[in-house]
Amino acid sequence: MSQSIESFPLFPLGLVLLPGELVPLHIFEERYKLMIGECLEQESEFGIIWLSDDGLKEVGCGARITRVLERFDDGRLNILVEGTEPFRLTRRIEDLPYPAGDVEPLADDGETDEEALERARSRYADLVEEVTEARPEPEALAQLDAYGMAATLEVAPAAKQTLLELRSESGRLEQLEALFAEALQRIKMAERAAERASGNGHLKG
């Protein structure tokens, strides 16, 4: 997407897709089988928007079908999609057989703060090492931006939506650094609690 698009196919889901993130989807509803079939035929994108408990969000992410994993006799599909770029839903379209709307792509403002990038990458590496006992290689870290780091970890949908809506890479990096630090602290606290419990059989109240 490079300019505003009318009647862009939309897939409201209980997840947030980020640019560059790969997500498998199971397509079983008739309207979405039709929508995905058209996207495959036309080699076009559709949009994924988070359908949260508070309703449908305005900012979503374009999705490109990278692979059809499995086709079923009844028309169901398992597909793999990759996030492309954020967009804002400006108008919902109700007269198509599947959800759609007019959308406008969202560009970033400003330049990336290199110091913020290095801090976020370092905190990310700390977290990965704590969880997997293996620190990411410097070459792999150097390829990751904010979206790339968030896509490889379990990040709550609300936090991912905030990242998607931020129009500054530096802002996303600051948000991620705080999230990583908080997650690291929770893991270490849980480890200390487990150590105390294993030492005396139970935790003291």
N, C-alpha and C. Protein backbone atom coordinates (compact mmCIF):
# COMPACT_ATOMS: atom_id res chain seq x y z
N MET A 1 0.85 -1.19 0.00
CA MET A 1 0.00 0.00 0.00
C MET A 1 0.88 1.24 0.00
N SER A 2 0.57 2.17 -0.89
CA SER A 2 1.33 3.41 -0.93
C SER A 2 0.43 4.63 -0.91
N GLN A 3 -0.89 4.44 -1.15
CA GLN A 3 -1.82 5.55 -1.11
C GLN A 3 -3.15 5.03 -0.59
N SER A 4 -4.07 5.95 -0.32
CA SER A 4 -5.36 5.56 0.22
C SER A 4 -6.03 4.52 -0.68
N ILE A 5 -6.65 3.54 -0.05
CA ILE A 5 -7.30 2.46 -0.79
C ILE A 5 -8.75 2.38 -0.38
N GLU A 6 -9.63 2.30 -1.38
CA GLU A 6 -11.05 2.16 -1.12
C GLU A 6 -11.45 0.69 -1.12
N SER A 7 -12.42 0.35 -0.30
CA SER A 7 -12.97 -1.01 -0.23
C SER A 7 -11.88 -2.06 -0.01
N PHE A 8 -11.00 -1.75 0.93
CA PHE A 8 -9.90 -2.66 1.27
C PHE A 8 -10.46 -3.80 2.14
N PRO A 9 -10.22 -5.07 1.76
CA PRO A 9 -10.75 -6.20 2.54
C PRO A 9 -10.17 -6.18 3.96
N LEU A 10 -11.02 -6.44 4.94
CA LEU A 10 -10.61 -6.40 6.34
C LEU A 10 -10.94 -7.70 7.05
N PHE A 11 -10.06 -8.10 7.96
CA PHE A 11 -10.25 -9.31 8.74
C PHE A 11 -10.13 -8.94 10.22
N PRO A 12 -11.25 -8.63 10.89
CA PRO A 12 -11.19 -8.35 12.33
C PRO A 12 -10.86 -9.63 13.09
N LEU A 13 -9.85 -9.56 13.95
CA LEU A 13 -9.40 -10.74 14.69
C LEU A 13 -9.05 -10.36 16.12
N GLY A 14 -8.94 -11.35 16.96
CA GLY A 14 -8.54 -11.13 18.34
C GLY A 14 -7.04 -11.10 18.51
N LEU A 15 -6.33 -10.56 17.54
CA LEU A 15 -4.88 -10.43 17.59
C LEU A 15 -4.44 -9.17 16.89
N VAL A 16 -3.21 -8.77 17.17
CA VAL A 16 -2.62 -7.60 16.52
C VAL A 16 -1.45 -8.08 15.66
N LEU A 17 -1.47 -7.74 14.40
CA LEU A 17 -0.39 -8.07 13.47
C LEU A 17 0.54 -6.87 13.34
N LEU A 18 1.84 -7.13 13.38
CA LEU A 18 2.83 -6.07 13.21
C LEU A 18 3.54 -6.21 11.86
N PRO A 19 4.03 -5.12 11.30
CA PRO A 19 4.81 -5.20 10.06
C PRO A 19 5.97 -6.18 10.20
N GLY A 20 6.10 -7.08 9.23
CA GLY A 20 7.18 -8.06 9.24
C GLY A 20 6.88 -9.31 10.04
N GLU A 21 5.78 -9.30 10.80
CA GLU A 21 5.44 -10.46 11.63
C GLU A 21 4.75 -11.53 10.78
N LEU A 22 5.09 -12.79 11.02
CA LEU A 22 4.46 -13.92 10.33
C LEU A 22 3.44 -14.56 11.26
N VAL A 23 2.22 -14.76 10.77
CA VAL A 23 1.16 -15.34 11.58
C VAL A 23 0.37 -16.35 10.74
N PRO A 24 0.14 -17.56 11.28
CA PRO A 24 -0.71 -18.53 10.59
C PRO A 24 -2.18 -18.25 10.88
N LEU A 25 -3.03 -18.41 9.88
CA LEU A 25 -4.47 -18.18 10.04
C LEU A 25 -5.24 -19.37 9.49
N HIS A 26 -6.31 -19.73 10.17
CA HIS A 26 -7.22 -20.77 9.69
C HIS A 26 -8.47 -20.08 9.18
N ILE A 27 -8.77 -20.24 7.90
CA ILE A 27 -9.89 -19.58 7.26
C ILE A 27 -11.03 -20.58 7.10
N PHE A 28 -12.16 -20.30 7.80
CA PHE A 28 -13.25 -21.27 7.75
C PHE A 28 -14.61 -20.64 7.47
N GLU A 29 -14.80 -19.36 7.79
CA GLU A 29 -16.08 -18.72 7.50
C GLU A 29 -16.20 -18.45 6.01
N GLU A 30 -17.43 -18.59 5.48
CA GLU A 30 -17.63 -18.45 4.03
C GLU A 30 -17.18 -17.09 3.53
N ARG A 31 -17.48 -16.02 4.27
CA ARG A 31 -17.13 -14.67 3.80
C ARG A 31 -15.62 -14.49 3.71
N TYR A 32 -14.90 -15.12 4.64
CA TYR A 32 -13.45 -14.97 4.62
C TYR A 32 -12.79 -15.93 3.63
N LYS A 33 -13.46 -17.06 3.38
CA LYS A 33 -12.96 -17.95 2.31
C LYS A 33 -13.05 -17.21 0.97
N LEU A 34 -14.14 -16.48 0.78
CA LEU A 34 -14.31 -15.68 -0.45
C LEU A 34 -13.26 -14.58 -0.50
N MET A 35 -13.06 -13.87 0.60
CA MET A 35 -12.12 -12.76 0.64
C MET A 35 -10.70 -13.23 0.36
N ILE A 36 -10.28 -14.29 1.04
CA ILE A 36 -8.92 -14.80 0.85
C ILE A 36 -8.75 -15.36 -0.55
N GLY A 37 -9.80 -16.00 -1.08
CA GLY A 37 -9.74 -16.51 -2.45
C GLY A 37 -9.48 -15.39 -3.45
N GLU A 38 -10.16 -14.25 -3.25
CA GLU A 38 -9.94 -13.11 -4.15
C GLU A 38 -8.53 -12.54 -3.99
N CYS A 39 -8.04 -12.49 -2.73
CA CYS A 39 -6.68 -11.98 -2.51
C CYS A 39 -5.65 -12.88 -3.16
N LEU A 40 -5.87 -14.18 -3.11
CA LEU A 40 -4.94 -15.11 -3.75
C LEU A 40 -4.98 -14.96 -5.27
N GLU A 41 -6.17 -14.84 -5.80
CA GLU A 41 -6.33 -14.72 -7.25
C GLU A 41 -5.72 -13.43 -7.77
N GLN A 42 -5.91 -12.33 -7.02
CA GLN A 42 -5.43 -11.03 -7.47
C GLN A 42 -4.04 -10.69 -6.93
N GLU A 43 -3.48 -11.60 -6.10
CA GLU A 43 -2.19 -11.37 -5.44
C GLU A 43 -2.21 -10.03 -4.71
N SER A 44 -3.29 -9.79 -3.98
CA SER A 44 -3.47 -8.53 -3.27
C SER A 44 -3.48 -8.76 -1.76
N GLU A 45 -3.43 -7.68 -1.03
CA GLU A 45 -3.38 -7.73 0.43
C GLU A 45 -4.78 -7.56 1.03
N PHE A 46 -4.87 -7.87 2.31
CA PHE A 46 -6.04 -7.53 3.10
C PHE A 46 -5.53 -6.94 4.41
N GLY A 47 -6.42 -6.44 5.23
CA GLY A 47 -5.99 -5.83 6.49
C GLY A 47 -6.48 -6.61 7.69
N ILE A 48 -5.64 -6.71 8.70
CA ILE A 48 -6.02 -7.31 9.97
C ILE A 48 -6.17 -6.19 11.00
N ILE A 49 -7.33 -6.15 11.64
CA ILE A 49 -7.60 -5.15 12.68
C ILE A 49 -8.00 -5.88 13.96
N TRP A 50 -7.45 -5.40 15.06
CA TRP A 50 -7.73 -6.03 16.36
C TRP A 50 -9.16 -5.76 16.78
N LEU A 51 -9.92 -6.86 16.97
CA LEU A 51 -11.25 -6.78 17.52
C LEU A 51 -11.13 -7.03 19.03
N SER A 52 -10.94 -5.95 19.77
CA SER A 52 -10.71 -6.05 21.21
C SER A 52 -12.03 -6.10 21.97
N ASP A 53 -11.95 -6.25 23.28
CA ASP A 53 -13.15 -6.22 24.11
C ASP A 53 -13.84 -4.87 24.03
N ASP A 54 -13.08 -3.83 23.67
CA ASP A 54 -13.63 -2.48 23.55
C ASP A 54 -14.17 -2.18 22.16
N GLY A 55 -14.06 -3.15 21.26
CA GLY A 55 -14.55 -2.95 19.90
C GLY A 55 -13.42 -2.97 18.88
N LEU A 56 -13.76 -2.67 17.65
CA LEU A 56 -12.81 -2.70 16.55
C LEU A 56 -11.92 -1.46 16.58
N LYS A 57 -10.61 -1.67 16.52
CA LYS A 57 -9.67 -0.55 16.52
C LYS A 57 -9.63 0.11 15.15
N GLU A 58 -9.18 1.35 15.12
CA GLU A 58 -9.10 2.09 13.85
C GLU A 58 -7.80 1.82 13.10
N VAL A 59 -6.75 1.48 13.85
CA VAL A 59 -5.44 1.24 13.23
C VAL A 59 -5.19 -0.25 13.13
N GLY A 60 -4.87 -0.70 11.93
CA GLY A 60 -4.57 -2.11 11.69
C GLY A 60 -3.30 -2.24 10.87
N CYS A 61 -3.08 -3.45 10.35
CA CYS A 61 -1.86 -3.71 9.58
C CYS A 61 -2.21 -4.50 8.33
N GLY A 62 -1.63 -4.10 7.22
CA GLY A 62 -1.81 -4.85 5.99
C GLY A 62 -1.20 -6.24 6.12
N ALA A 63 -1.80 -7.20 5.43
CA ALA A 63 -1.33 -8.59 5.49
C ALA A 63 -1.17 -9.14 4.08
N ARG A 64 -0.02 -9.72 3.82
CA ARG A 64 0.26 -10.36 2.53
C ARG A 64 0.31 -11.86 2.74
N ILE A 65 -0.41 -12.61 1.91
CA ILE A 65 -0.39 -14.07 2.01
C ILE A 65 0.91 -14.57 1.42
N THR A 66 1.75 -15.17 2.27
CA THR A 66 3.04 -15.65 1.79
C THR A 66 3.01 -17.12 1.40
N ARG A 67 2.03 -17.84 1.95
CA ARG A 67 1.99 -19.27 1.67
C ARG A 67 0.62 -19.85 2.02
N VAL A 68 0.14 -20.75 1.18
CA VAL A 68 -1.04 -21.55 1.52
C VAL A 68 -0.52 -22.85 2.12
N LEU A 69 -0.77 -23.05 3.39
CA LEU A 69 -0.22 -24.21 4.10
C LEU A 69 -1.03 -25.47 3.85
N GLU A 70 -2.36 -25.30 3.73
CA GLU A 70 -3.22 -26.47 3.56
C GLU A 70 -4.58 -26.03 3.01
N ARG A 71 -5.10 -26.84 2.08
CA ARG A 71 -6.45 -26.63 1.54
C ARG A 71 -7.31 -27.82 1.90
N PHE A 72 -8.53 -27.55 2.31
CA PHE A 72 -9.46 -28.62 2.66
C PHE A 72 -10.56 -28.74 1.61
N ASP A 73 -11.20 -29.91 1.53
CA ASP A 73 -12.22 -30.15 0.51
C ASP A 73 -13.40 -29.20 0.64
N ASP A 74 -13.68 -28.73 1.86
CA ASP A 74 -14.83 -27.84 2.06
C ASP A 74 -14.48 -26.37 1.86
N GLY A 75 -13.28 -26.10 1.36
CA GLY A 75 -12.88 -24.73 1.06
C GLY A 75 -12.12 -24.03 2.16
N ARG A 76 -12.02 -24.68 3.32
CA ARG A 76 -11.23 -24.08 4.40
C ARG A 76 -9.76 -24.02 4.01
N LEU A 77 -9.05 -23.06 4.59
CA LEU A 77 -7.64 -22.86 4.26
C LEU A 77 -6.83 -22.62 5.52
N ASN A 78 -5.60 -23.10 5.51
CA ASN A 78 -4.59 -22.67 6.48
C ASN A 78 -3.56 -21.87 5.69
N ILE A 79 -3.36 -20.62 6.08
CA ILE A 79 -2.45 -19.76 5.35
C ILE A 79 -1.44 -19.13 6.30
N LEU A 80 -0.34 -18.66 5.73
CA LEU A 80 0.65 -17.90 6.49
C LEU A 80 0.69 -16.49 5.91
N VAL A 81 0.53 -15.49 6.77
CA VAL A 81 0.54 -14.11 6.30
C VAL A 81 1.68 -13.34 6.96
N GLU A 82 2.11 -12.30 6.27
CA GLU A 82 3.16 -11.42 6.79
C GLU A 82 2.62 -10.00 6.85
N GLY A 83 2.85 -9.32 7.98
CA GLY A 83 2.42 -7.94 8.11
C GLY A 83 3.21 -7.04 7.18
N THR A 84 2.52 -6.06 6.59
CA THR A 84 3.20 -5.15 5.65
C THR A 84 3.35 -3.75 6.28
N GLU A 85 2.28 -2.94 6.26
CA GLU A 85 2.41 -1.61 6.85
C GLU A 85 1.12 -1.19 7.56
N PRO A 86 1.25 -0.33 8.57
CA PRO A 86 0.07 0.11 9.32
C PRO A 86 -0.84 0.97 8.46
N PHE A 87 -2.11 0.94 8.82
CA PHE A 87 -3.08 1.80 8.15
C PHE A 87 -4.14 2.24 9.15
N ARG A 88 -4.85 3.30 8.78
CA ARG A 88 -5.97 3.77 9.58
C ARG A 88 -7.26 3.56 8.79
N LEU A 89 -8.25 2.98 9.45
CA LEU A 89 -9.55 2.79 8.83
C LEU A 89 -10.32 4.11 8.88
N THR A 90 -10.65 4.65 7.73
CA THR A 90 -11.34 5.94 7.67
C THR A 90 -12.83 5.80 7.42
N ARG A 91 -13.24 4.67 6.81
CA ARG A 91 -14.67 4.45 6.56
C ARG A 91 -14.93 2.97 6.39
N ARG A 92 -15.94 2.48 7.06
CA ARG A 92 -16.31 1.07 6.92
C ARG A 92 -17.26 0.90 5.74
N ILE A 93 -17.08 -0.18 5.00
CA ILE A 93 -17.92 -0.50 3.83
C ILE A 93 -18.82 -1.67 4.21
N GLU A 94 -20.11 -1.49 4.02
CA GLU A 94 -21.07 -2.51 4.46
C GLU A 94 -21.71 -3.28 3.31
N ASP A 95 -21.44 -2.91 2.05
CA ASP A 95 -22.18 -3.53 0.95
C ASP A 95 -21.40 -4.62 0.21
N LEU A 96 -20.33 -5.12 0.81
CA LEU A 96 -19.58 -6.23 0.24
C LEU A 96 -19.89 -7.51 1.02
N PRO A 97 -19.63 -8.68 0.44
CA PRO A 97 -19.93 -9.94 1.14
C PRO A 97 -18.99 -10.24 2.29
N TYR A 98 -17.98 -9.40 2.48
CA TYR A 98 -17.05 -9.55 3.60
C TYR A 98 -16.70 -8.16 4.12
N PRO A 99 -16.18 -8.04 5.35
CA PRO A 99 -15.84 -6.73 5.90
C PRO A 99 -14.81 -6.00 5.03
N ALA A 100 -14.99 -4.71 4.89
CA ALA A 100 -14.06 -3.90 4.09
C ALA A 100 -14.17 -2.45 4.55
N GLY A 101 -13.25 -1.64 4.05
CA GLY A 101 -13.29 -0.23 4.41
C GLY A 101 -12.29 0.56 3.60
N ASP A 102 -12.42 1.88 3.67
CA ASP A 102 -11.43 2.76 3.07
C ASP A 102 -10.32 2.96 4.10
N VAL A 103 -9.08 2.82 3.66
CA VAL A 103 -7.95 2.92 4.59
C VAL A 103 -6.88 3.84 4.03
N GLU A 104 -6.10 4.43 4.94
CA GLU A 104 -4.96 5.24 4.53
C GLU A 104 -3.70 4.72 5.23
N PRO A 105 -2.62 4.51 4.50
CA PRO A 105 -1.37 4.05 5.11
C PRO A 105 -0.85 5.09 6.09
N LEU A 106 -0.13 4.62 7.10
CA LEU A 106 0.42 5.50 8.12
C LEU A 106 1.94 5.49 8.05
N ALA A 107 2.53 6.63 7.76
CA ALA A 107 3.98 6.75 7.68
C ALA A 107 4.54 7.20 9.02
N ASP A 108 5.81 6.91 9.25
CA ASP A 108 6.48 7.34 10.48
C ASP A 108 6.93 8.79 10.37
N ASP A 109 7.04 9.43 11.53
CA ASP A 109 7.56 10.79 11.62
C ASP A 109 8.93 10.75 12.28
N GLY A 110 9.84 11.56 11.79
CA GLY A 110 11.15 11.70 12.45
C GLY A 110 12.09 10.54 12.18
N GLU A 111 13.31 10.71 12.69
CA GLU A 111 14.36 9.72 12.50
C GLU A 111 14.49 8.83 13.74
N THR A 112 15.14 7.68 13.54
CA THR A 112 15.34 6.75 14.64
C THR A 112 16.46 7.23 15.55
N ASP A 113 16.23 7.18 16.84
CA ASP A 113 17.26 7.49 17.84
C ASP A 113 18.15 6.26 17.98
N GLU A 114 19.39 6.36 17.50
CA GLU A 114 20.28 5.20 17.50
C GLU A 114 20.59 4.71 18.91
N GLU A 115 20.68 5.63 19.86
CA GLU A 115 20.94 5.22 21.24
C GLU A 115 19.75 4.44 21.80
N ALA A 116 18.55 4.90 21.49
CA ALA A 116 17.34 4.19 21.94
C ALA A 116 17.28 2.80 21.30
N LEU A 117 17.71 2.72 20.04
CA LEU A 117 17.72 1.44 19.34
C LEU A 117 18.67 0.46 20.01
N GLU A 118 19.86 0.93 20.35
CA GLU A 118 20.84 0.06 20.99
C GLU A 118 20.39 -0.37 22.38
N ARG A 119 19.77 0.54 23.13
CA ARG A 119 19.27 0.20 24.46
C ARG A 119 18.18 -0.87 24.37
N ALA A 120 17.26 -0.70 23.42
CA ALA A 120 16.17 -1.67 23.28
C ALA A 120 16.71 -3.02 22.83
N ARG A 121 17.67 -3.02 21.91
CA ARG A 121 18.26 -4.28 21.46
C ARG A 121 18.99 -4.99 22.60
N SER A 122 19.69 -4.22 23.42
CA SER A 122 20.41 -4.80 24.55
C SER A 122 19.44 -5.41 25.56
N ARG A 123 18.37 -4.68 25.86
CA ARG A 123 17.36 -5.20 26.80
C ARG A 123 16.67 -6.42 26.22
N TYR A 124 16.41 -6.39 24.92
CA TYR A 124 15.80 -7.53 24.24
C TYR A 124 16.71 -8.76 24.34
N ALA A 125 18.01 -8.56 24.11
CA ALA A 125 18.97 -9.66 24.19
C ALA A 125 19.03 -10.22 25.61
N ASP A 126 18.95 -9.34 26.62
CA ASP A 126 18.93 -9.79 28.01
C ASP A 126 17.73 -10.70 28.27
N LEU A 127 16.60 -10.28 27.74
CA LEU A 127 15.37 -11.04 27.97
C LEU A 127 15.42 -12.39 27.26
N VAL A 128 15.86 -12.39 26.02
CA VAL A 128 15.96 -13.65 25.27
C VAL A 128 16.93 -14.60 25.96
N GLU A 129 18.06 -14.06 26.43
CA GLU A 129 19.05 -14.90 27.12
C GLU A 129 18.48 -15.48 28.41
N GLU A 130 17.70 -14.69 29.12
CA GLU A 130 17.10 -15.16 30.37
C GLU A 130 16.12 -16.30 30.12
N VAL A 131 15.38 -16.21 29.02
CA VAL A 131 14.36 -17.21 28.71
C VAL A 131 14.94 -18.45 28.04
N THR A 132 15.90 -18.26 27.14
CA THR A 132 16.40 -19.38 26.34
C THR A 132 17.80 -19.84 26.73
N GLU A 133 18.47 -19.06 27.60
CA GLU A 133 19.86 -19.33 27.98
C GLU A 133 20.82 -19.21 26.80
N ALA A 134 20.39 -18.51 25.77
CA ALA A 134 21.25 -18.25 24.61
C ALA A 134 21.03 -16.80 24.17
N ARG A 135 22.11 -16.04 24.10
CA ARG A 135 22.00 -14.63 23.71
C ARG A 135 22.01 -14.52 22.19
N PRO A 136 21.14 -13.69 21.62
CA PRO A 136 21.13 -13.52 20.16
C PRO A 136 22.48 -13.06 19.64
N GLU A 137 22.84 -13.52 18.47
CA GLU A 137 24.08 -13.10 17.83
C GLU A 137 23.99 -11.62 17.44
N PRO A 138 25.11 -10.90 17.54
CA PRO A 138 25.11 -9.48 17.18
C PRO A 138 24.58 -9.22 15.78
N GLU A 139 24.89 -10.11 14.84
CA GLU A 139 24.43 -9.92 13.46
C GLU A 139 22.91 -10.01 13.37
N ALA A 140 22.34 -10.93 14.15
CA ALA A 140 20.88 -11.07 14.15
C ALA A 140 20.22 -9.86 14.82
N LEU A 141 20.82 -9.40 15.92
CA LEU A 141 20.28 -8.24 16.62
C LEU A 141 20.28 -7.00 15.72
N ALA A 142 21.33 -6.86 14.93
CA ALA A 142 21.48 -5.68 14.08
C ALA A 142 20.39 -5.58 13.02
N GLN A 143 19.70 -6.68 12.75
CA GLN A 143 18.65 -6.70 11.74
C GLN A 143 17.28 -6.34 12.31
N LEU A 144 17.18 -6.25 13.64
CA LEU A 144 15.88 -6.07 14.27
C LEU A 144 15.55 -4.62 14.58
N ASP A 145 14.37 -4.20 14.14
CA ASP A 145 13.84 -2.91 14.56
C ASP A 145 12.80 -3.18 15.65
N ALA A 146 12.04 -2.18 16.05
CA ALA A 146 11.07 -2.35 17.13
C ALA A 146 10.04 -3.41 16.78
N TYR A 147 9.48 -3.34 15.58
CA TYR A 147 8.50 -4.34 15.18
C TYR A 147 9.10 -5.74 15.18
N GLY A 148 10.33 -5.85 14.69
CA GLY A 148 10.99 -7.15 14.61
C GLY A 148 11.20 -7.78 15.97
N MET A 149 11.60 -6.96 16.95
CA MET A 149 11.79 -7.49 18.30
C MET A 149 10.47 -7.91 18.92
N ALA A 150 9.45 -7.08 18.77
CA ALA A 150 8.14 -7.39 19.37
C ALA A 150 7.52 -8.63 18.75
N ALA A 151 7.78 -8.86 17.46
CA ALA A 151 7.16 -9.98 16.76
C ALA A 151 7.71 -11.33 17.21
N THR A 152 8.90 -11.34 17.81
CA THR A 152 9.51 -12.62 18.19
C THR A 152 9.20 -13.01 19.63
N LEU A 153 8.49 -12.15 20.36
CA LEU A 153 8.20 -12.41 21.76
C LEU A 153 6.69 -12.39 22.01
N GLU A 154 6.28 -12.97 23.13
CA GLU A 154 4.87 -12.93 23.52
C GLU A 154 4.57 -11.55 24.11
N VAL A 155 3.97 -10.70 23.31
CA VAL A 155 3.62 -9.36 23.76
C VAL A 155 2.11 -9.25 23.75
N ALA A 156 1.53 -8.71 24.82
CA ALA A 156 0.08 -8.59 24.94
C ALA A 156 -0.49 -7.76 23.79
N PRO A 157 -1.69 -8.12 23.32
CA PRO A 157 -2.29 -7.38 22.20
C PRO A 157 -2.37 -5.87 22.43
N ALA A 158 -2.71 -5.44 23.65
CA ALA A 158 -2.83 -4.01 23.91
C ALA A 158 -1.49 -3.31 23.72
N ALA A 159 -0.40 -3.96 24.15
CA ALA A 159 0.94 -3.37 23.99
C ALA A 159 1.32 -3.35 22.51
N LYS A 160 0.97 -4.40 21.77
CA LYS A 160 1.28 -4.45 20.35
C LYS A 160 0.48 -3.38 19.60
N GLN A 161 -0.76 -3.15 20.02
CA GLN A 161 -1.58 -2.14 19.38
C GLN A 161 -0.98 -0.76 19.60
N THR A 162 -0.46 -0.53 20.81
CA THR A 162 0.20 0.75 21.08
C THR A 162 1.39 0.95 20.15
N LEU A 163 2.19 -0.09 19.97
CA LEU A 163 3.33 -0.01 19.06
C LEU A 163 2.88 0.30 17.64
N LEU A 164 1.78 -0.35 17.23
CA LEU A 164 1.28 -0.16 15.87
C LEU A 164 0.79 1.26 15.65
N GLU A 165 0.23 1.86 16.69
CA GLU A 165 -0.33 3.20 16.55
C GLU A 165 0.71 4.31 16.68
N LEU A 166 1.85 4.01 17.30
CA LEU A 166 2.90 5.02 17.43
C LEU A 166 3.51 5.33 16.07
N ARG A 167 3.68 6.58 15.77
CA ARG A 167 4.22 6.97 14.46
C ARG A 167 5.68 7.38 14.53
N SER A 168 6.36 6.91 15.57
CA SER A 168 7.78 7.19 15.74
C SER A 168 8.50 5.91 16.14
N GLU A 169 9.55 5.55 15.40
CA GLU A 169 10.33 4.37 15.76
C GLU A 169 10.99 4.56 17.12
N SER A 170 11.43 5.78 17.41
CA SER A 170 12.04 6.04 18.72
C SER A 170 11.02 5.82 19.84
N GLY A 171 9.78 6.24 19.61
CA GLY A 171 8.72 6.03 20.59
C GLY A 171 8.45 4.55 20.81
N ARG A 172 8.45 3.79 19.72
CA ARG A 172 8.24 2.34 19.84
C ARG A 172 9.39 1.68 20.59
N LEU A 173 10.60 2.14 20.35
CA LEU A 173 11.76 1.56 21.03
C LEU A 173 11.72 1.84 22.53
N GLU A 174 11.34 3.06 22.89
CA GLU A 174 11.22 3.38 24.32
C GLU A 174 10.14 2.53 24.98
N GLN A 175 9.03 2.34 24.28
CA GLN A 175 7.95 1.51 24.81
C GLN A 175 8.43 0.07 25.02
N LEU A 176 9.16 -0.43 24.04
CA LEU A 176 9.65 -1.81 24.12
C LEU A 176 10.69 -1.99 25.21
N GLU A 177 11.59 -1.01 25.35
CA GLU A 177 12.61 -1.11 26.39
C GLU A 177 11.95 -1.26 27.76
N ALA A 178 10.90 -0.49 28.00
CA ALA A 178 10.17 -0.57 29.27
C ALA A 178 9.48 -1.93 29.42
N LEU A 179 8.87 -2.43 28.32
CA LEU A 179 8.20 -3.73 28.37
C LEU A 179 9.19 -4.85 28.65
N PHE A 180 10.34 -4.79 27.99
CA PHE A 180 11.35 -5.84 28.18
C PHE A 180 11.88 -5.82 29.61
N ALA A 181 12.13 -4.62 30.14
CA ALA A 181 12.65 -4.49 31.50
C ALA A 181 11.64 -5.06 32.51
N GLU A 182 10.36 -4.76 32.27
CA GLU A 182 9.31 -5.25 33.17
C GLU A 182 9.21 -6.78 33.10
N ALA A 183 9.28 -7.33 31.89
CA ALA A 183 9.20 -8.78 31.73
C ALA A 183 10.39 -9.46 32.38
N LEU A 184 11.57 -8.87 32.23
CA LEU A 184 12.78 -9.43 32.83
C LEU A 184 12.67 -9.44 34.35
N GLN A 185 12.14 -8.38 34.91
CA GLN A 185 11.96 -8.29 36.35
C GLN A 185 10.98 -9.35 36.85
N ARG A 186 9.87 -9.55 36.11
CA ARG A 186 8.89 -10.56 36.51
C ARG A 186 9.50 -11.96 36.50
N ILE A 187 10.30 -12.25 35.46
CA ILE A 187 10.92 -13.57 35.35
C ILE A 187 11.88 -13.81 36.51
N LYS A 188 12.69 -12.81 36.83
CA LYS A 188 13.66 -12.97 37.91
C LYS A 188 12.97 -13.10 39.27
N MET A 189 11.88 -12.38 39.45
CA MET A 189 11.13 -12.51 40.70
C MET A 189 10.53 -13.91 40.83
N ALA A 190 10.03 -14.44 39.71
CA ALA A 190 9.46 -15.79 39.72
C ALA A 190 10.54 -16.82 40.01
N GLU A 191 11.73 -16.61 39.45
CA GLU A 191 12.84 -17.53 39.69
C GLU A 191 13.26 -17.51 41.15
N ARG A 192 13.31 -16.31 41.75
CA ARG A 192 13.68 -16.21 43.16
C ARG A 192 12.64 -16.89 44.05
N ALA A 193 11.36 -16.72 43.69
CA ALA A 193 10.30 -17.36 44.45
C ALA A 193 10.40 -18.87 44.35
N ALA A 194 10.72 -19.37 43.15
CA ALA A 194 10.86 -20.82 42.96
C ALA A 194 12.04 -21.35 43.76
N GLU A 195 13.12 -20.58 43.82
CA GLU A 195 14.29 -21.01 44.58
C GLU A 195 13.97 -21.08 46.07
N ARG A 196 13.24 -20.08 46.57
CA ARG A 196 12.87 -20.10 47.98
C ARG A 196 11.95 -21.28 48.29
N ALA A 197 11.04 -21.55 47.38
CA ALA A 197 10.10 -22.64 47.59
C ALA A 197 10.81 -23.99 47.58
N SER A 198 11.77 -24.14 46.68
CA SER A 198 12.50 -25.43 46.61
C SER A 198 13.43 -25.61 47.83
N GLY A 199 13.77 -24.48 48.47
CA GLY A 199 14.68 -24.59 49.61
C GLY A 199 14.00 -25.07 50.87
N ASN A 200 12.71 -24.73 51.06
CA ASN A 200 12.05 -25.16 52.30
C ASN A 200 10.71 -25.85 52.07
N GLY A 201 10.41 -26.10 50.79
CA GLY A 201 9.20 -26.84 50.49
C GLY A 201 7.96 -25.96 50.35
N HIS A 202 8.04 -24.74 50.83
CA HIS A 202 6.92 -23.83 50.67
C HIS A 202 7.39 -22.39 50.85
N LEU A 203 6.57 -21.48 50.39
CA LEU A 203 6.89 -20.07 50.56
C LEU A 203 6.30 -19.58 51.88
N LYS A 204 7.07 -18.79 52.59
CA LYS A 204 6.55 -18.21 53.81
C LYS A 204 5.59 -17.07 53.49
N GLY A 205 4.53 -17.00 54.28
CA GLY A 205 3.56 -15.95 54.04
C GLY A 205 4.04 -14.63 54.62
